Amino acid sequence: MRMRFIIFLLTGLLFTSALAAGQSSTRQATFYKDVLPILQDHCQSCHRPGEVAPMSLVTYQQIRPWAPAIVKAVQSGMMPPWFANPRFGHFSNDPSLTPQQIATLLAWVAAGTPAGNPHDAPAPPQWAEGWNIAQPDVVLPMPKPVTIPADGDVEYTYEIVPTHFREDQWIHMAEVHPSSPQYVHHAVVYIRPPDSKWLRHAPIGVPFTASTLSDPQDRLQAHGTTSDLLLVYAPGSSPDRWPDGMAKFVPAGSDLIFQIHYTTNGKAGNDRTSIGLAFAEAPPQQRIFTLQLNDHAFIIPPGADDFRVEVQGTLPNDATLLSLFPHMHLRGKRFEYDIVRSDGSIETLLRVNYHFHWQLSYRLAEPRPLKAGTKLRAVAWYDNSRNNPHNPDPNATVTWGDQTYQEMMVGFFDVAVPANMNKEQFFVRGQREH
């Protein structure tokens, strides 16, 4: 009997404390003091004028009508978007709200969205107009806009953009900025050094596709290259901001080659994508490469709801792992990166519940040094069943392809190596800094 009384008493105390905390939170939570700092830190990078989100969440007048929707989005975990399983890894760009922040938003709405004192507002973030990185040192747009039809498939579109760099440049930050993001499925920007023979017969400064090239070798090269990746962009992806002492390298006289996959949406339009670059203040100690694990040979049967594709690779030299960026299409379900140890045991670095419309990069909170010979594995799962609301055709046998009704399996990852090591040297096993 005494034990029951103690349990009842503890339960009552917990309930009373929670209620009191909730009432206190309700009484105290105001927009300017409590809510605005949360929105500035977790939402305004997308929810501000000129950015990708459909509404601006900057002023009280803008935010108040959306208060019920904000509560629903944060309670469901859909906003801020983040799809990493918390059991695996820690990431510096995790925008997730803490339970206390969610409670603050709930309390504010429950109290009738009081504004409070405007003098309690934090200083507004200083955004570079049109960018989520610092003001770029140089902005390189595609010279000619690309016309996108109202419907049908659009072949991968390329445009070669000369940098006119008179000296080598180290890139500390980079951001791709489509002028019409509603059409851009993804964009990849490659670095073509002046001594590269890649696509040398292709036109400069005008859009082209592989099928429009007259040279057979150029048509073949359009579908594959060993050139360095400067940046990969997909819906929801974030710009590159590298730690101090790390940067990507663009040799003097290089061209940037934009490869863009456009999708139609029933309305014709055009796009002129740009890239903004911020230079490192001093030559870095480490150079960054974007590498990938991919599988082109999978065949997903009709109706398969958990089809698994795996690929492994071994690092040829020591490197520091910085970030992970999975890419699939509409049937993508889960994606995982692992380290496979020599005894066969597995260390999972990242596991995501894949979301095609929010293709995020995941930056390790602590960069991970990896020794030469480390085996990395990427595993993807696909849902080709009728239970997948995004599935274009559950009766189709699905293989690798460029269009969204086909599939891809690409595990991008960024590594840092000594600054004096180029990509060709990195893939020669046993190289060391000298």
Protein backbone atom coordinates (compact mmCIF):
# COMPACT_ATOMS: atom_id res chain seq x y z
CA MET A 1 0.00 0.00 0.00
CA ARG A 2 2.83 2.36 0.91
CA MET A 3 4.60 1.60 -2.40
CA ARG A 4 1.42 2.37 -4.32
CA PHE A 5 1.14 5.66 -2.46
CA ILE A 6 4.73 6.60 -3.31
CA ILE A 7 4.21 5.77 -6.98
CA PHE A 8 1.00 7.82 -7.01
CA LEU A 9 2.73 10.70 -5.26
CA LEU A 10 5.66 10.70 -7.72
CA THR A 11 3.28 10.53 -10.68
CA GLY A 12 1.29 13.44 -9.29
CA LEU A 13 4.42 15.49 -8.73
CA LEU A 14 5.65 14.84 -12.28
CA PHE A 15 2.26 15.82 -13.73
CA THR A 16 2.12 18.95 -11.58
CA SER A 17 5.68 19.93 -12.57
CA ALA A 18 4.98 19.38 -16.26
CA LEU A 19 1.77 21.39 -16.05
CA ALA A 20 3.52 24.18 -14.19
CA ALA A 21 6.34 24.19 -16.73
CA GLY A 22 3.84 24.31 -19.56
CA GLN A 23 1.92 27.16 -17.91
CA SER A 24 5.16 29.00 -17.23
CA SER A 25 6.26 28.44 -20.82
CA THR A 26 2.85 29.63 -22.05
CA ARG A 27 3.04 32.79 -19.93
CA GLN A 28 6.57 33.64 -20.95
CA ALA A 29 6.80 32.69 -24.63
CA THR A 30 6.60 35.69 -26.93
CA PHE A 31 7.53 36.09 -30.56
CA TYR A 32 10.39 38.55 -30.30
CA LYS A 33 12.08 37.06 -27.25
CA ASP A 34 11.54 33.31 -27.70
CA VAL A 35 10.29 32.38 -31.17
CA LEU A 36 12.22 34.66 -33.51
CA PRO A 37 15.67 33.36 -32.40
CA ILE A 38 14.56 29.80 -33.23
CA LEU A 39 13.33 30.81 -36.68
CA GLN A 40 16.48 32.78 -37.42
CA ASP A 41 18.75 29.85 -36.55
CA HIS A 42 16.72 27.01 -38.06
CA CYS A 43 14.35 28.34 -40.74
CA GLN A 44 15.32 31.62 -42.38
CA SER A 45 18.12 30.24 -44.53
CA CYS A 46 15.28 28.94 -46.75
CA HIS A 47 12.27 30.94 -45.50
CA ARG A 48 13.21 34.45 -46.57
CA PRO A 49 12.63 36.53 -49.71
CA GLY A 50 14.36 35.15 -52.79
CA GLU A 51 15.04 31.70 -51.34
CA VAL A 52 13.57 28.30 -52.13
CA ALA A 53 10.82 28.08 -49.49
CA PRO A 54 7.30 29.13 -50.54
CA MET A 55 6.78 31.59 -47.68
CA SER A 56 8.91 34.09 -45.79
CA LEU A 57 9.29 33.68 -42.02
CA VAL A 58 11.12 36.87 -41.16
CA THR A 59 8.65 39.31 -39.61
CA TYR A 60 5.90 38.81 -37.04
CA GLN A 61 3.28 39.81 -39.60
CA GLN A 62 4.56 37.16 -42.03
CA ILE A 63 4.86 34.41 -39.45
CA ARG A 64 1.68 34.74 -37.40
CA PRO A 65 -0.73 33.37 -40.09
CA TRP A 66 1.52 30.32 -40.47
CA ALA A 67 1.75 29.56 -36.75
CA PRO A 68 -0.57 26.48 -36.81
CA ALA A 69 1.24 25.09 -39.85
CA ILE A 70 4.61 25.65 -38.18
CA VAL A 71 3.49 23.72 -35.12
CA LYS A 72 2.22 20.84 -37.24
CA ALA A 73 5.45 20.73 -39.28
CA VAL A 74 7.77 20.69 -36.26
CA GLN A 75 5.66 18.16 -34.38
CA SER A 76 5.71 15.79 -37.35
CA GLY A 77 9.45 16.24 -37.83
CA MET A 78 9.06 17.46 -41.43
CA MET A 79 10.55 20.85 -40.59
CA PRO A 80 13.33 21.67 -40.41
CA PRO A 81 14.06 18.87 -42.91
CA TRP A 82 16.52 16.29 -41.56
CA PHE A 83 16.38 12.58 -42.32
CA ALA A 84 19.38 11.06 -40.57
CA ASN A 85 18.70 8.26 -38.10
CA PRO A 86 19.93 9.71 -34.76
CA ARG A 87 21.42 6.34 -33.78
CA PHE A 88 24.25 6.77 -36.29
CA GLY A 89 26.67 9.66 -36.44
CA HIS A 90 26.66 13.30 -35.39
CA PHE A 91 26.51 16.08 -37.95
CA SER A 92 27.41 19.76 -37.74
CA ASN A 93 24.62 20.91 -40.06
CA ASP A 94 21.77 19.16 -38.22
CA PRO A 95 19.01 21.82 -38.05
CA SER A 96 16.71 19.75 -35.84
CA LEU A 97 14.91 21.54 -33.04
CA THR A 98 15.47 20.50 -29.43
CA PRO A 99 12.46 19.35 -27.36
CA GLN A 100 12.70 22.66 -25.48
CA GLN A 101 12.50 24.67 -28.71
CA ILE A 102 9.50 22.66 -29.90
CA ALA A 103 7.84 23.22 -26.50
CA THR A 104 8.46 26.96 -26.85
CA LEU A 105 6.74 27.07 -30.24
CA LEU A 106 3.79 25.06 -28.91
CA ALA A 107 3.47 27.30 -25.88
CA TRP A 108 3.59 30.44 -28.02
CA VAL A 109 0.80 29.22 -30.29
CA ALA A 110 -1.24 27.99 -27.35
CA ALA A 111 -0.97 31.45 -25.79
CA GLY A 112 -2.39 33.10 -28.91
CA THR A 113 0.92 34.00 -30.64
CA PRO A 114 1.75 37.07 -28.50
CA ALA A 115 4.23 39.45 -30.09
CA GLY A 116 5.91 40.71 -26.92
CA ASN A 117 8.36 43.59 -26.90
CA PRO A 118 10.11 44.28 -30.25
CA HIS A 119 13.16 45.44 -28.26
CA ASP A 120 13.65 41.81 -27.18
CA ALA A 121 14.33 40.75 -30.77
CA PRO A 122 17.83 39.52 -31.60
CA ALA A 123 19.80 41.28 -34.29
CA PRO A 124 18.74 40.04 -37.75
CA PRO A 125 21.15 37.69 -39.53
CA GLN A 126 23.36 39.32 -42.11
CA TRP A 127 22.58 37.44 -45.31
CA ALA A 128 24.42 38.14 -48.55
CA GLU A 129 21.64 39.09 -50.96
CA GLY A 130 20.74 36.06 -53.04
CA TRP A 131 23.22 33.74 -51.29
CA ASN A 132 23.50 31.51 -48.25
CA ILE A 133 27.29 31.76 -48.25
CA ALA A 134 29.20 34.97 -47.60
CA GLN A 135 29.14 37.45 -50.45
CA PRO A 136 30.95 35.58 -53.26
CA ASP A 137 34.23 36.89 -54.59
CA VAL A 138 33.08 35.91 -58.06
CA VAL A 139 29.75 34.86 -59.57
CA LEU A 140 29.89 32.80 -62.77
CA PRO A 141 26.55 32.44 -64.56
CA MET A 142 25.87 30.23 -67.54
CA PRO A 143 26.26 32.65 -70.48
CA LYS A 144 23.03 31.59 -72.19
CA PRO A 145 19.67 30.72 -70.59
CA VAL A 146 18.36 27.21 -71.21
CA THR A 147 14.84 26.88 -72.61
CA ILE A 148 12.75 24.22 -70.87
CA PRO A 149 9.65 22.83 -72.60
CA ALA A 150 6.30 22.43 -70.87
CA ASP A 151 6.43 18.65 -70.87
CA GLY A 152 8.47 15.62 -71.95
CA ASP A 153 11.97 14.48 -71.04
CA VAL A 154 14.88 16.91 -71.13
CA GLU A 155 18.28 15.46 -71.96
CA TYR A 156 21.13 16.38 -69.63
CA THR A 157 22.14 19.92 -70.57
CA TYR A 158 25.70 21.22 -70.49
CA GLU A 159 27.22 24.66 -70.62
CA ILE A 160 30.93 25.45 -70.52
CA VAL A 161 31.79 28.58 -68.53
CA PRO A 162 35.36 29.97 -68.72
CA THR A 163 36.59 31.23 -65.34
CA HIS A 164 39.24 33.55 -66.83
CA PHE A 165 41.24 32.98 -63.64
CA ARG A 166 44.75 34.33 -64.23
CA GLU A 167 46.11 32.46 -61.22
CA ASP A 168 45.28 29.32 -59.29
CA GLN A 169 42.37 29.71 -56.88
CA TRP A 170 41.43 27.85 -53.71
CA ILE A 171 37.67 27.76 -53.16
CA HIS A 172 36.58 27.98 -49.53
CA MET A 173 32.84 28.32 -50.17
CA ALA A 174 30.63 27.60 -53.17
CA GLU A 175 26.92 27.75 -53.91
CA VAL A 176 24.89 26.86 -56.99
CA HIS A 177 21.97 29.20 -57.61
CA PRO A 178 19.42 28.22 -60.30
CA SER A 179 17.35 31.14 -61.58
CA SER A 180 14.38 28.74 -61.92
CA PRO A 181 14.84 26.01 -59.28
CA GLN A 182 11.42 24.50 -60.05
CA TYR A 183 12.98 22.93 -63.16
CA VAL A 184 16.32 21.80 -61.72
CA HIS A 185 16.41 18.16 -60.63
CA HIS A 186 20.13 18.42 -59.95
CA ALA A 187 23.23 20.21 -61.14
CA VAL A 188 26.86 19.16 -61.11
CA VAL A 189 29.66 21.66 -61.72
CA TYR A 190 32.95 20.16 -62.89
CA ILE A 191 36.42 21.73 -63.02
CA ARG A 192 38.10 21.40 -66.44
CA PRO A 193 41.78 22.40 -66.20
CA PRO A 194 43.38 24.00 -69.27
CA ASP A 195 45.31 20.80 -70.11
CA SER A 196 42.20 18.58 -70.00
CA LYS A 197 40.94 17.04 -73.24
CA TRP A 198 37.44 16.51 -71.89
CA LEU A 199 34.74 17.84 -74.26
CA ARG A 200 37.29 19.92 -76.16
CA HIS A 201 35.16 19.91 -79.32
CA ALA A 202 32.05 21.09 -77.49
CA PRO A 203 30.87 24.68 -77.91
CA ILE A 204 31.77 27.30 -75.31
CA GLY A 205 29.13 29.43 -73.62
CA VAL A 206 26.01 27.91 -75.19
CA PRO A 207 23.80 25.04 -74.00
CA PHE A 208 24.33 21.64 -75.58
CA THR A 209 23.42 18.01 -74.96
CA ALA A 210 25.29 14.80 -75.77
CA SER A 211 23.06 14.12 -78.77
CA THR A 212 23.81 17.52 -80.32
CA LEU A 213 27.59 16.91 -80.37
CA SER A 214 28.96 15.87 -83.73
CA ASP A 215 32.12 14.17 -82.44
CA PRO A 216 31.44 10.56 -81.31
CA GLN A 217 34.14 10.77 -78.62
CA ASP A 218 32.59 13.93 -77.21
CA ARG A 219 29.17 12.26 -77.11
CA LEU A 220 30.68 9.41 -75.13
CA GLN A 221 32.61 11.73 -72.82
CA ALA A 222 29.48 13.69 -71.94
CA HIS A 223 28.29 10.68 -69.92
CA GLY A 224 31.41 10.26 -67.79
CA THR A 225 34.55 12.06 -66.65
CA THR A 226 37.35 11.87 -64.10
CA SER A 227 37.40 15.67 -63.72
CA ASP A 228 37.13 17.12 -60.24
CA LEU A 229 33.68 17.98 -58.96
CA LEU A 230 33.41 21.52 -57.68
CA LEU A 231 29.87 21.22 -56.32
CA VAL A 232 26.77 19.03 -56.52
CA TYR A 233 23.35 20.67 -56.17
CA ALA A 234 19.99 18.98 -55.61
CA PRO A 235 16.71 20.14 -54.05
CA GLY A 236 17.34 20.89 -50.38
CA SER A 237 21.11 20.59 -50.59
CA SER A 238 23.26 23.14 -48.81
CA PRO A 239 26.20 25.18 -50.10
CA ASP A 240 29.77 24.12 -49.45
CA ARG A 241 31.53 25.84 -46.54
CA TRP A 242 34.80 24.12 -45.81
CA PRO A 243 36.64 24.22 -42.48
CA ASP A 244 39.56 26.61 -42.19
CA GLY A 245 42.65 25.22 -43.82
CA MET A 246 40.65 23.19 -46.38
CA ALA A 247 39.52 24.16 -49.89
CA LYS A 248 38.91 22.96 -53.42
CA PHE A 249 41.41 23.79 -56.14
CA VAL A 250 40.70 25.49 -59.47
CA PRO A 251 43.81 25.88 -61.65
CA ALA A 252 44.38 29.12 -63.53
CA GLY A 253 42.70 29.13 -66.92
CA SER A 254 40.16 26.45 -66.02
CA ASP A 255 36.64 26.18 -67.35
CA LEU A 256 33.65 25.15 -65.27
CA ILE A 257 31.32 22.69 -66.97
CA PHE A 258 27.74 22.83 -65.76
CA GLN A 259 25.80 19.60 -66.16
CA ILE A 260 22.12 20.13 -65.34
CA HIS A 261 19.20 17.76 -65.29
CA TYR A 262 16.01 19.69 -65.96
CA THR A 263 12.52 18.30 -65.43
CA THR A 264 9.30 19.64 -66.90
CA ASN A 265 6.24 20.67 -64.88
CA GLY A 266 3.56 21.54 -67.44
CA LYS A 267 4.71 25.12 -67.94
CA ALA A 268 7.49 26.19 -70.30
CA GLY A 269 10.25 28.40 -68.96
CA ASN A 270 13.98 29.01 -68.89
CA ASP A 271 16.85 28.82 -66.44
CA ARG A 272 20.22 30.48 -66.14
CA THR A 273 22.06 28.84 -63.26
CA SER A 274 25.00 30.57 -61.57
CA ILE A 275 27.70 29.52 -59.14
CA GLY A 276 29.09 31.81 -56.48
CA LEU A 277 32.64 31.25 -55.25
CA ALA A 278 34.41 32.58 -52.16
CA PHE A 279 38.19 32.26 -52.17
CA ALA A 280 40.31 31.05 -49.27
CA GLU A 281 42.23 33.84 -47.58
CA ALA A 282 45.45 31.80 -47.65
CA PRO A 283 46.61 28.60 -49.35
CA PRO A 284 45.17 25.69 -47.34
CA GLN A 285 46.92 22.72 -45.79
CA GLN A 286 44.41 20.28 -47.26
CA ARG A 287 42.68 19.86 -50.61
CA ILE A 288 39.14 18.51 -50.89
CA PHE A 289 37.88 15.96 -53.39
CA THR A 290 34.28 14.90 -53.93
CA LEU A 291 34.30 11.16 -54.60
CA GLN A 292 31.51 8.66 -55.11
CA LEU A 293 30.44 5.07 -54.68
CA ASN A 294 27.89 4.08 -57.33
CA ASP A 295 26.28 1.09 -58.97
CA HIS A 296 24.98 1.28 -62.55
CA ALA A 297 24.03 -2.38 -62.94
CA PHE A 298 21.05 -2.93 -60.63
CA ILE A 299 17.65 -4.18 -61.83
CA ILE A 300 14.69 -3.45 -59.55
CA PRO A 301 11.79 -5.88 -60.13
CA PRO A 302 8.18 -4.67 -60.39
CA GLY A 303 6.49 -4.37 -57.03
CA ALA A 304 9.66 -4.80 -54.93
CA ASP A 305 9.16 -2.77 -51.76
CA ASP A 306 12.63 -3.08 -50.15
CA PHE A 307 15.11 -3.79 -52.96
CA ARG A 308 18.74 -3.58 -51.80
CA VAL A 309 21.75 -2.38 -53.80
CA GLU A 310 25.27 -2.38 -52.34
CA VAL A 311 28.64 -1.11 -53.55
CA GLN A 312 32.03 -1.07 -51.83
CA GLY A 313 35.30 0.70 -52.41
CA THR A 314 38.72 0.96 -50.74
CA LEU A 315 40.54 4.22 -50.08
CA PRO A 316 43.86 4.15 -51.96
CA ASN A 317 45.50 6.63 -49.56
CA ASP A 318 44.98 8.26 -46.18
CA ALA A 319 42.17 10.81 -46.21
CA THR A 320 39.89 12.67 -43.83
CA LEU A 321 36.18 12.07 -44.36
CA LEU A 322 34.17 15.31 -44.15
CA SER A 323 30.63 14.78 -45.44
CA LEU A 324 28.19 12.38 -47.10
CA PHE A 325 25.58 13.09 -49.78
CA PRO A 326 23.31 10.26 -51.01
CA HIS A 327 21.47 10.54 -54.34
CA MET A 328 18.60 8.43 -55.66
CA HIS A 329 15.34 9.09 -57.52
CA LEU A 330 11.63 8.68 -56.77
CA ARG A 331 11.83 5.06 -55.63
CA GLY A 332 14.60 5.81 -53.12
CA LYS A 333 13.70 4.57 -49.64
CA ARG A 334 16.83 4.41 -47.42
CA PHE A 335 20.53 5.03 -47.87
CA GLU A 336 23.43 4.05 -45.65
CA TYR A 337 27.20 4.59 -45.51
CA ASP A 338 29.38 2.12 -43.59
CA ILE A 339 32.95 1.28 -42.79
CA VAL A 340 33.57 -2.45 -43.29
CA ARG A 341 36.33 -3.62 -40.96
CA SER A 342 38.80 -6.39 -41.72
CA ASP A 343 36.97 -8.78 -39.37
CA GLY A 344 33.72 -8.21 -41.26
CA SER A 345 32.12 -6.01 -38.62
CA ILE A 346 30.27 -2.90 -39.73
CA GLU A 347 30.40 0.68 -38.45
CA THR A 348 27.48 2.70 -39.77
CA LEU A 349 28.40 6.32 -40.46
CA LEU A 350 25.00 7.51 -41.70
CA ARG A 351 21.56 6.06 -42.31
CA VAL A 352 18.85 8.22 -43.86
CA ASN A 353 15.19 7.78 -44.66
CA TYR A 354 15.53 9.13 -48.16
CA HIS A 355 13.40 12.06 -49.33
CA PHE A 356 13.64 12.89 -53.02
CA HIS A 357 12.57 16.53 -52.56
CA TRP A 358 15.08 17.17 -49.74
CA GLN A 359 18.41 15.73 -50.84
CA LEU A 360 20.62 16.83 -48.00
CA SER A 361 24.33 16.63 -47.40
CA TYR A 362 25.42 15.41 -43.98
CA ARG A 363 28.57 17.02 -42.60
CA LEU A 364 30.39 15.10 -39.90
CA ALA A 365 30.56 17.01 -36.61
CA GLU A 366 34.11 15.68 -36.25
CA PRO A 367 36.04 15.01 -39.48
CA ARG A 368 37.04 11.35 -39.55
CA PRO A 369 40.65 10.39 -40.42
CA LEU A 370 40.70 7.19 -42.48
CA LYS A 371 43.75 5.10 -43.27
CA ALA A 372 44.65 3.85 -46.73
CA GLY A 373 42.90 0.55 -47.29
CA THR A 374 39.75 1.53 -45.38
CA LYS A 375 36.77 -0.17 -47.01
CA LEU A 376 33.72 2.04 -47.45
CA ARG A 377 30.30 0.68 -48.33
CA ALA A 378 27.16 2.38 -49.60
CA VAL A 379 23.83 0.59 -49.43
CA ALA A 380 20.57 1.80 -50.99
CA TRP A 381 17.03 0.45 -50.65
CA TYR A 382 14.22 1.12 -53.14
CA ASP A 383 10.44 0.91 -52.94
CA ASN A 384 9.01 0.00 -56.34
CA SER A 385 5.63 -0.98 -54.90
CA ARG A 386 2.20 0.63 -54.96
CA ASN A 387 2.76 1.69 -51.34
CA ASN A 388 5.26 4.31 -52.52
CA PRO A 389 3.16 7.42 -53.29
CA HIS A 390 5.95 8.84 -55.47
CA ASN A 391 6.36 5.71 -57.61
CA PRO A 392 5.83 6.56 -61.31
CA ASP A 393 5.00 2.96 -62.26
CA PRO A 394 5.05 0.01 -59.81
CA ASN A 395 4.70 -2.39 -62.75
CA ALA A 396 7.99 -1.29 -64.32
CA THR A 397 11.33 -3.06 -64.14
CA VAL A 398 13.66 -0.24 -63.15
CA THR A 399 17.30 0.24 -64.11
CA TRP A 400 19.87 3.05 -63.98
CA GLY A 401 18.90 6.10 -66.01
CA ASP A 402 19.01 9.87 -66.14
CA GLN A 403 15.27 10.54 -65.85
CA THR A 404 13.40 10.55 -62.54
CA TYR A 405 11.20 7.61 -63.57
CA GLN A 406 14.45 5.64 -63.81
CA GLU A 407 16.83 5.27 -60.86
CA MET A 408 20.30 6.15 -59.65
CA MET A 409 22.48 4.91 -56.83
CA VAL A 410 25.24 7.39 -55.97
CA GLY A 411 26.91 7.88 -52.62
CA PHE A 412 28.90 11.11 -52.89
CA PHE A 413 31.40 11.80 -50.12
CA ASP A 414 33.97 14.54 -49.50
CA VAL A 415 37.50 13.86 -48.30
CA ALA A 416 40.48 16.05 -47.46
CA VAL A 417 44.04 15.13 -48.48
CA PRO A 418 47.37 17.01 -48.43
CA ALA A 419 47.11 20.18 -50.50
CA ASN A 420 49.94 19.13 -52.82
CA MET A 421 48.23 15.88 -53.84
CA ASN A 422 46.16 15.92 -57.01
CA LYS A 423 43.37 13.47 -57.81
CA GLU A 424 45.49 11.30 -60.07
CA GLN A 425 48.09 10.94 -57.31
CA PHE A 426 45.41 10.14 -54.75
CA PHE A 427 44.29 7.11 -56.73
CA VAL A 428 47.83 5.74 -56.94
CA ARG A 429 48.00 3.50 -53.91
CA GLY A 430 50.67 4.18 -51.36
CA GLN A 431 51.21 7.90 -52.08
CA ARG A 432 52.35 10.02 -49.16
CA GLU A 433 52.78 13.72 -48.58
CA HIS A 434 56.18 14.93 -49.72
